Amino acid sequence: QVQLVESGGGLVQPGGSLRLSCTASGSMFGINDMGWYRQVPGKERELVATITTGGSTNYADSVKGRFTISRDNAKNTVYLQMNSLEPEDTAVYYCNAGVAVTDPFRYLEVWGQGTLVTVSS
């Protein structure tokens, strides 16, 4: 009933920029925290950035000052602006959201399908 659809990944040279988008759709009571995670083959999925409904943000130390997370609650969309990209940023980026549904009322953790970001010269 609920899914997250991501877009914006691709190939970029070191020092370049990309903007990722993730939109939630389906039958939802509401969306709480949203975030971006990334994963490299053979490694654990790691936190990149999170944002609350009220706009409070949290970033991994490795991306502070380079990445910015934001959201548009009216559009059920979260964004990740990535600047000064480095080869170490290469990964599959996943959108995550805490979604409230009803009957019964409960919270679900929903993940997007992932979008590949490749930083290479």
Protein backbone atom coordinates (compact mmCIF):
# COMPACT_ATOMS: atom_id res chain seq x y z
CA GLN A 1 0.00 0.00 0.00
CA VAL A 2 2.91 2.35 0.71
CA GLN A 3 6.01 2.73 -1.38
CA LEU A 4 8.94 5.09 -1.79
CA VAL A 5 10.19 5.96 -5.26
CA GLU A 6 13.64 7.49 -5.69
CA SER A 7 15.27 9.35 -8.54
CA GLY A 8 18.33 11.45 -9.31
CA GLY A 9 21.19 8.98 -9.17
CA GLY A 10 23.81 8.69 -11.87
CA LEU A 11 27.45 9.11 -12.80
CA VAL A 12 29.31 12.25 -11.76
CA GLN A 13 32.96 13.30 -11.62
CA PRO A 14 34.69 14.07 -8.32
CA GLY A 15 33.74 17.54 -7.13
CA GLY A 16 30.39 17.42 -8.89
CA SER A 17 26.86 17.54 -7.52
CA LEU A 18 23.68 15.46 -7.60
CA ARG A 19 20.22 15.93 -6.12
CA LEU A 20 18.26 12.86 -5.06
CA SER A 21 14.48 12.83 -4.60
CA CYS A 22 12.20 10.35 -2.86
CA THR A 23 8.41 10.48 -2.88
CA ALA A 24 6.05 8.39 -0.75
CA SER A 25 2.75 7.22 -2.19
CA GLY A 26 -0.14 5.01 -1.13
CA SER A 27 -2.59 4.88 1.75
CA MET A 28 -0.97 6.63 4.70
CA PHE A 29 -2.14 8.27 7.89
CA GLY A 30 1.04 10.29 8.02
CA ILE A 31 4.80 10.30 7.59
CA ASN A 32 7.18 10.89 10.46
CA ASP A 33 10.97 10.86 10.19
CA MET A 34 12.60 10.39 6.79
CA GLY A 35 16.18 9.70 5.89
CA TRP A 36 18.81 8.63 3.42
CA TYR A 37 21.11 5.64 3.81
CA ARG A 38 23.76 4.17 1.53
CA GLN A 39 25.32 0.78 0.99
CA VAL A 40 28.39 -0.57 -0.77
CA PRO A 41 28.52 -4.29 -1.72
CA GLY A 42 29.86 -6.30 1.20
CA LYS A 43 29.33 -3.47 3.69
CA GLU A 44 26.60 -2.60 6.16
CA ARG A 45 23.98 -0.06 5.18
CA GLU A 46 24.95 3.22 6.84
CA LEU A 47 23.16 6.40 7.83
CA VAL A 48 23.72 9.43 5.61
CA ALA A 49 21.16 11.93 6.92
CA THR A 50 17.79 12.08 8.66
CA ILE A 51 15.12 14.75 9.02
CA THR A 52 12.11 14.97 11.32
CA THR A 53 8.66 16.24 10.42
CA GLY A 54 9.58 19.53 12.07
CA GLY A 55 12.79 19.87 10.07
CA SER A 56 15.47 18.85 12.57
CA THR A 57 18.39 17.21 10.76
CA ASN A 58 21.21 14.81 11.54
CA TYR A 59 24.19 13.94 9.34
CA ALA A 60 26.94 11.38 9.24
CA ASP A 61 30.31 12.96 9.98
CA SER A 62 31.58 11.96 6.54
CA VAL A 63 29.02 14.14 4.72
CA LYS A 64 28.67 17.15 7.02
CA GLY A 65 29.16 20.38 5.13
CA ARG A 66 28.71 18.68 1.76
CA PHE A 67 25.22 17.14 1.83
CA THR A 68 21.90 18.77 2.73
CA ILE A 69 18.68 16.92 3.49
CA SER A 70 15.31 18.65 3.15
CA ARG A 71 11.64 17.73 2.81
CA ASP A 72 8.38 19.00 1.39
CA ASN A 73 5.63 17.62 3.61
CA ALA A 74 2.86 18.67 1.23
CA LYS A 75 4.46 16.54 -1.50
CA ASN A 76 5.52 13.65 0.77
CA THR A 77 9.00 14.10 -0.62
CA VAL A 78 12.50 14.14 0.85
CA TYR A 79 15.57 15.43 -0.98
CA LEU A 80 19.31 14.99 -0.65
CA GLN A 81 21.51 17.65 -2.21
CA MET A 82 25.03 16.25 -2.61
CA ASN A 83 27.89 18.64 -3.34
CA SER A 84 31.66 18.18 -3.58
CA LEU A 85 31.17 14.49 -4.28
CA GLU A 86 34.09 12.14 -3.68
CA PRO A 87 34.77 8.61 -4.99
CA GLU A 88 34.10 7.37 -1.45
CA ASP A 89 30.49 8.54 -1.84
CA THR A 90 29.88 5.88 -4.50
CA ALA A 91 27.07 3.63 -3.26
CA VAL A 92 23.45 2.67 -3.67
CA TYR A 93 21.42 5.31 -1.85
CA TYR A 94 18.18 4.27 -0.15
CA CYS A 95 15.33 6.43 1.04
CA ASN A 96 13.69 5.52 4.35
CA ALA A 97 10.51 6.71 6.05
CA GLY A 98 8.51 5.99 9.17
CA VAL A 99 4.91 5.74 7.98
CA ALA A 100 1.76 5.61 10.10
CA VAL A 101 -1.10 3.46 8.79
CA THR A 102 -4.51 2.57 10.28
CA ASP A 103 -6.65 -0.50 10.99
CA PRO A 104 -4.85 -1.21 13.15
CA PHE A 105 -2.97 1.99 13.76
CA ARG A 106 0.75 1.27 13.62
CA TYR A 107 4.05 2.50 12.29
CA LEU A 108 5.85 0.88 9.37
CA GLU A 109 9.43 1.37 8.28
CA VAL A 110 9.45 1.65 4.50
CA TRP A 111 12.47 1.56 2.19
CA GLY A 112 12.89 2.72 -1.37
CA GLN A 113 14.32 0.56 -4.13
CA GLY A 114 17.64 2.37 -4.12
CA THR A 115 19.36 4.59 -6.67
CA LEU A 116 22.98 4.18 -7.72
CA VAL A 117 25.40 7.08 -7.33
CA THR A 118 28.80 6.62 -8.97
CA VAL A 119 31.55 9.20 -8.44
CA SER A 120 34.45 8.54 -10.79
CA SER A 121 36.81 10.29 -13.17
